[in-house]
Amino acid sequence: MTTYRAAYIPPEPGSNGVGVLLTTHEHCTLTDDQLMVVVRQVAAANDAEGEIIIGDWSE
């Protein structure tokens, strides 16, 4: 299992989902501000809505 810093939208409370990953491993070294620029573009392009979290993501 690989864990890296990423931005994602967590699953809805009570759901069996895993959330929506908005960044990839290649973005893990960006600052929070840089990461949010990427995230806003990805979220808008994919109509993704919800609270955006920056934290550890495991695959």
PDB file of N, CA and C in Angstrom:
ATOM      1  N   MET A   1       0.847  -1.176   0.000  1.00  0.00           N
ATOM      2  CA  MET A   1       0.000   0.000   0.000  1.00  0.00           C
ATOM      3  C   MET A   1       0.892   1.239   0.000  1.00  0.00           C
ATOM      4  N   THR A   2       0.561   2.186  -0.870  1.00  0.00           N
ATOM      5  CA  THR A   2       1.295   3.436  -0.968  1.00  0.00           C
ATOM      6  C   THR A   2       0.491   4.555  -0.322  1.00  0.00           C
ATOM      7  N   THR A   3       1.157   5.371   0.491  1.00  0.00           N
ATOM      8  CA  THR A   3       0.512   6.525   1.111  1.00  0.00           C
ATOM      9  C   THR A   3       1.303   7.771   0.726  1.00  0.00           C
ATOM     10  N   TYR A   4       0.574   8.799   0.305  1.00  0.00           N
ATOM     11  CA  TYR A   4       1.218  10.057  -0.054  1.00  0.00           C
ATOM     12  C   TYR A   4       0.291  11.220   0.258  1.00  0.00           C
ATOM     13  N   ARG A   5       0.842  12.411   0.295  1.00  0.00           N
ATOM     14  CA  ARG A   5       0.085  13.625   0.575  1.00  0.00           C
ATOM     15  C   ARG A   5      -0.725  13.976  -0.666  1.00  0.00           C
ATOM     16  N   ALA A   6      -2.014  14.217  -0.477  1.00  0.00           N
ATOM     17  CA  ALA A   6      -2.883  14.495  -1.609  1.00  0.00           C
ATOM     18  C   ALA A   6      -4.049  15.372  -1.160  1.00  0.00           C
ATOM     19  N   ALA A   7      -4.787  15.858  -2.144  1.00  0.00           N
ATOM     20  CA  ALA A   7      -6.024  16.590  -1.878  1.00  0.00           C
ATOM     21  C   ALA A   7      -7.176  15.712  -2.352  1.00  0.00           C
ATOM     22  N   TYR A   8      -8.216  15.661  -1.547  1.00  0.00           N
ATOM     23  CA  TYR A   8      -9.346  14.797  -1.866  1.00  0.00           C
ATOM     24  C   TYR A   8     -10.614  15.309  -1.196  1.00  0.00           C
ATOM     25  N   ILE A   9     -11.748  14.808  -1.684  1.00  0.00           N
ATOM     26  CA  ILE A   9     -13.033  15.069  -1.060  1.00  0.00           C
ATOM     27  C   ILE A   9     -13.402  13.782  -0.333  1.00  0.00           C
ATOM     28  N   PRO A  10     -13.580  13.850   0.979  1.00  0.00           N
ATOM     29  CA  PRO A  10     -13.878  12.620   1.730  1.00  0.00           C
ATOM     30  C   PRO A  10     -15.266  12.080   1.363  1.00  0.00           C
ATOM     31  N   PRO A  11     -15.505  10.805   1.643  1.00  0.00           N
ATOM     32  CA  PRO A  11     -16.825  10.231   1.356  1.00  0.00           C
ATOM     33  C   PRO A  11     -17.892  10.852   2.254  1.00  0.00           C
ATOM     34  N   GLU A  12     -19.123  10.778   1.804  1.00  0.00           N
ATOM     35  CA  GLU A  12     -20.247  11.249   2.608  1.00  0.00           C
ATOM     36  C   GLU A  12     -20.324  10.433   3.894  1.00  0.00           C
ATOM     37  N   PRO A  13     -20.674  11.054   5.017  1.00  0.00           N
ATOM     38  CA  PRO A  13     -20.821  10.302   6.265  1.00  0.00           C
ATOM     39  C   PRO A  13     -21.846   9.173   6.092  1.00  0.00           C
ATOM     40  N   GLY A  14     -21.496   8.013   6.570  1.00  0.00           N
ATOM     41  CA  GLY A  14     -22.384   6.866   6.497  1.00  0.00           C
ATOM     42  C   GLY A  14     -22.328   6.095   5.190  1.00  0.00           C
ATOM     43  N   SER A  15     -21.533   6.585   4.224  1.00  0.00           N
ATOM     44  CA  SER A  15     -21.444   5.883   2.946  1.00  0.00           C
ATOM     45  C   SER A  15     -20.320   4.857   2.991  1.00  0.00           C
ATOM     46  N   ASN A  16     -20.305   3.972   2.022  1.00  0.00           N
ATOM     47  CA  ASN A  16     -19.236   2.989   1.903  1.00  0.00           C
ATOM     48  C   ASN A  16     -18.166   3.451   0.927  1.00  0.00           C
ATOM     49  N   GLY A  17     -18.250   4.688   0.469  1.00  0.00           N
ATOM     50  CA  GLY A  17     -17.312   5.222  -0.510  1.00  0.00           C
ATOM     51  C   GLY A  17     -15.947   5.496   0.084  1.00  0.00           C
ATOM     52  N   VAL A  18     -15.001   5.794  -0.783  1.00  0.00           N
ATOM     53  CA  VAL A  18     -13.639   6.070  -0.356  1.00  0.00           C
ATOM     54  C   VAL A  18     -13.245   7.517  -0.578  1.00  0.00           C
ATOM     55  N   GLY A  19     -14.116   8.319  -1.133  1.00  0.00           N
ATOM     56  CA  GLY A  19     -13.804   9.703  -1.399  1.00  0.00           C
ATOM     57  C   GLY A  19     -13.359   9.892  -2.837  1.00  0.00           C
ATOM     58  N   VAL A  20     -13.097  11.150  -3.189  1.00  0.00           N
ATOM     59  CA  VAL A  20     -12.698  11.491  -4.549  1.00  0.00           C
ATOM     60  C   VAL A  20     -11.299  12.086  -4.510  1.00  0.00           C
ATOM     61  N   LEU A  21     -10.360  11.389  -5.097  1.00  0.00           N
ATOM     62  CA  LEU A  21      -8.978  11.864  -5.161  1.00  0.00           C
ATOM     63  C   LEU A  21      -8.872  12.946  -6.228  1.00  0.00           C
ATOM     64  N   LEU A  22      -8.314  14.102  -5.870  1.00  0.00           N
ATOM     65  CA  LEU A  22      -8.219  15.228  -6.792  1.00  0.00           C
ATOM     66  C   LEU A  22      -6.804  15.490  -7.284  1.00  0.00           C
ATOM     67  N   THR A  23      -5.813  14.905  -6.646  1.00  0.00           N
ATOM     68  CA  THR A  23      -4.425  15.079  -7.075  1.00  0.00           C
ATOM     69  C   THR A  23      -3.767  13.708  -7.157  1.00  0.00           C
ATOM     70  N   THR A  24      -2.566  13.680  -7.715  1.00  0.00           N
ATOM     71  CA  THR A  24      -1.843  12.427  -7.863  1.00  0.00           C
ATOM     72  C   THR A  24      -0.528  12.489  -7.088  1.00  0.00           C
ATOM     73  N   HIS A  25       0.178  11.379  -7.115  1.00  0.00           N
ATOM     74  CA  HIS A  25       1.465  11.303  -6.412  1.00  0.00           C
ATOM     75  C   HIS A  25       2.426  12.386  -6.901  1.00  0.00           C
ATOM     76  N   GLU A  26       2.352  12.757  -8.169  1.00  0.00           N
ATOM     77  CA  GLU A  26       3.264  13.773  -8.706  1.00  0.00           C
ATOM     78  C   GLU A  26       3.039  15.150  -8.087  1.00  0.00           C
ATOM     79  N   HIS A  27       1.900  15.372  -7.445  1.00  0.00           N
ATOM     80  CA  HIS A  27       1.601  16.658  -6.814  1.00  0.00           C
ATOM     81  C   HIS A  27       1.979  16.706  -5.339  1.00  0.00           C
ATOM     82  N   CYS A  28       2.439  15.611  -4.773  1.00  0.00           N
ATOM     83  CA  CYS A  28       2.611  15.517  -3.320  1.00  0.00           C
ATOM     84  C   CYS A  28       3.655  16.467  -2.739  1.00  0.00           C
ATOM     85  N   THR A  29       4.529  17.012  -3.555  1.00  0.00           N
ATOM     86  CA  THR A  29       5.556  17.919  -3.025  1.00  0.00           C
ATOM     87  C   THR A  29       5.174  19.395  -3.157  1.00  0.00           C
ATOM     88  N   LEU A  30       4.008  19.675  -3.731  1.00  0.00           N
ATOM     89  CA  LEU A  30       3.561  21.059  -3.870  1.00  0.00           C
ATOM     90  C   LEU A  30       3.185  21.630  -2.505  1.00  0.00           C
ATOM     91  N   THR A  31       3.280  22.953  -2.379  1.00  0.00           N
ATOM     92  CA  THR A  31       2.813  23.606  -1.154  1.00  0.00           C
ATOM     93  C   THR A  31       1.290  23.526  -1.118  1.00  0.00           C
ATOM     94  N   ASP A  32       0.707  23.810   0.026  1.00  0.00           N
ATOM     95  CA  ASP A  32      -0.753  23.798   0.137  1.00  0.00           C
ATOM     96  C   ASP A  32      -1.390  24.749  -0.870  1.00  0.00           C
ATOM     97  N   ASP A  33      -0.822  25.942  -1.018  1.00  0.00           N
ATOM     98  CA  ASP A  33      -1.376  26.921  -1.960  1.00  0.00           C
ATOM     99  C   ASP A  33      -1.292  26.418  -3.399  1.00  0.00           C
ATOM    100  N   GLN A  34      -0.160  25.843  -3.776  1.00  0.00           N
ATOM    101  CA  GLN A  34      -0.005  25.299  -5.125  1.00  0.00           C
ATOM    102  C   GLN A  34      -0.955  24.123  -5.353  1.00  0.00           C
ATOM    103  N   LEU A  35      -1.084  23.300  -4.337  1.00  0.00           N
ATOM    104  CA  LEU A  35      -1.970  22.144  -4.427  1.00  0.00           C
ATOM    105  C   LEU A  35      -3.417  22.599  -4.615  1.00  0.00           C
ATOM    106  N   MET A  36      -3.840  23.633  -3.928  1.00  0.00           N
ATOM    107  CA  MET A  36      -5.200  24.125  -4.053  1.00  0.00           C
ATOM    108  C   MET A  36      -5.483  24.698  -5.441  1.00  0.00           C
ATOM    109  N   VAL A  37      -4.491  25.265  -6.093  1.00  0.00           N
ATOM    110  CA  VAL A  37      -4.673  25.744  -7.466  1.00  0.00           C
ATOM    111  C   VAL A  37      -5.000  24.562  -8.376  1.00  0.00           C
ATOM    112  N   VAL A  38      -4.233  23.494  -8.247  1.00  0.00           N
ATOM    113  CA  VAL A  38      -4.464  22.288  -9.046  1.00  0.00           C
ATOM    114  C   VAL A  38      -5.836  21.704  -8.714  1.00  0.00           C
ATOM    115  N   VAL A  39      -6.147  21.621  -7.433  1.00  0.00           N
ATOM    116  CA  VAL A  39      -7.398  21.021  -6.987  1.00  0.00           C
ATOM    117  C   VAL A  39      -8.607  21.769  -7.531  1.00  0.00           C
ATOM    118  N   ARG A  40      -8.572  23.068  -7.486  1.00  0.00           N
ATOM    119  CA  ARG A  40      -9.712  23.849  -7.979  1.00  0.00           C
ATOM    120  C   ARG A  40      -9.943  23.591  -9.468  1.00  0.00           C
ATOM    121  N   GLN A  41      -8.874  23.476 -10.230  1.00  0.00           N
ATOM    122  CA  GLN A  41      -8.998  23.198 -11.662  1.00  0.00           C
ATOM    123  C   GLN A  41      -9.567  21.808 -11.900  1.00  0.00           C
ATOM    124  N   VAL A  42      -9.057  20.813 -11.190  1.00  0.00           N
ATOM    125  CA  VAL A  42      -9.525  19.433 -11.353  1.00  0.00           C
ATOM    126  C   VAL A  42     -10.978  19.305 -10.907  1.00  0.00           C
ATOM    127  N   ALA A  43     -11.311  19.893  -9.765  1.00  0.00           N
ATOM    128  CA  ALA A  43     -12.674  19.806  -9.248  1.00  0.00           C
ATOM    129  C   ALA A  43     -13.660  20.466 -10.213  1.00  0.00           C
ATOM    130  N   ALA A  44     -13.315  21.624 -10.749  1.00  0.00           N
ATOM    131  CA  ALA A  44     -14.199  22.317 -11.687  1.00  0.00           C
ATOM    132  C   ALA A  44     -14.376  21.512 -12.969  1.00  0.00           C
ATOM    133  N   ALA A  45     -13.315  20.926 -13.477  1.00  0.00           N
ATOM    134  CA  ALA A  45     -13.375  20.154 -14.719  1.00  0.00           C
ATOM    135  C   ALA A  45     -14.196  18.879 -14.562  1.00  0.00           C
ATOM    136  N   ASN A  46     -14.315  18.373 -13.329  1.00  0.00           N
ATOM    137  CA  ASN A  46     -15.020  17.115 -13.083  1.00  0.00           C
ATOM    138  C   ASN A  46     -16.309  17.290 -12.283  1.00  0.00           C
ATOM    139  N   ASP A  47     -16.748  18.531 -12.127  1.00  0.00           N
ATOM    140  CA  ASP A  47     -17.964  18.825 -11.359  1.00  0.00           C
ATOM    141  C   ASP A  47     -17.950  18.183  -9.972  1.00  0.00           C
ATOM    142  N   ALA A  48     -16.775  18.134  -9.348  1.00  0.00           N
ATOM    143  CA  ALA A  48     -16.637  17.558  -8.006  1.00  0.00           C
ATOM    144  C   ALA A  48     -16.964  18.633  -6.973  1.00  0.00           C
ATOM    145  N   GLU A  49     -17.809  18.277  -6.026  1.00  0.00           N
ATOM    146  CA  GLU A  49     -18.209  19.210  -4.982  1.00  0.00           C
ATOM    147  C   GLU A  49     -18.007  18.584  -3.615  1.00  0.00           C
ATOM    148  N   GLY A  50     -17.729  19.417  -2.645  1.00  0.00           N
ATOM    149  CA  GLY A  50     -17.572  18.957  -1.274  1.00  0.00           C
ATOM    150  C   GLY A  50     -16.375  19.604  -0.622  1.00  0.00           C
ATOM    151  N   GLU A  51     -16.216  19.314   0.649  1.00  0.00           N
ATOM    152  CA  GLU A  51     -15.093  19.843   1.406  1.00  0.00           C
ATOM    153  C   GLU A  51     -13.799  19.206   0.908  1.00  0.00           C
ATOM    154  N   ILE A  52     -12.802  20.034   0.626  1.00  0.00           N
ATOM    155  CA  ILE A  52     -11.516  19.540   0.138  1.00  0.00           C
ATOM    156  C   ILE A  52     -10.562  19.401   1.315  1.00  0.00           C
ATOM    157  N   ILE A  53      -9.973  18.229   1.431  1.00  0.00           N
ATOM    158  CA  ILE A  53      -9.026  17.903   2.503  1.00  0.00           C
ATOM    159  C   ILE A  53      -7.641  17.723   1.894  1.00  0.00           C
ATOM    160  N   ILE A  54      -6.629  18.247   2.557  1.00  0.00           N
ATOM    161  CA  ILE A  54      -5.246  17.942   2.184  1.00  0.00           C
ATOM    162  C   ILE A  54      -4.702  17.070   3.301  1.00  0.00           C
ATOM    163  N   GLY A  55      -4.282  15.876   2.944  1.00  0.00           N
ATOM    164  CA  GLY A  55      -3.794  14.941   3.950  1.00  0.00           C
ATOM    165  C   GLY A  55      -3.245  13.691   3.303  1.00  0.00           C
ATOM    166  N   ASP A  56      -3.082  12.646   4.086  1.00  0.00           N
ATOM    167  CA  ASP A  56      -2.549  11.390   3.586  1.00  0.00           C
ATOM    168  C   ASP A  56      -3.614  10.611   2.819  1.00  0.00           C
ATOM    169  N   TRP A  57      -3.231  10.069   1.674  1.00  0.00           N
ATOM    170  CA  TRP A  57      -4.098   9.237   0.843  1.00  0.00           C
ATOM    171  C   TRP A  57      -3.381   7.903   0.653  1.00  0.00           C
ATOM    172  N   SER A  58      -4.078   6.819   0.892  1.00  0.00           N
ATOM    173  CA  SER A  58      -3.483   5.486   0.739  1.00  0.00           C
ATOM    174  C   SER A  58      -4.128   4.762  -0.433  1.00  0.00           C
ATOM    175  N   GLU A  59      -3.286   4.099  -1.205  1.00  0.00           N
ATOM    176  CA  GLU A  59      -3.774   3.300  -2.336  1.00  0.00           C
ATOM    177  C   GLU A  59      -3.361   1.869  -2.148  1.00  0.00           C
TER     178      GLU A  59
END
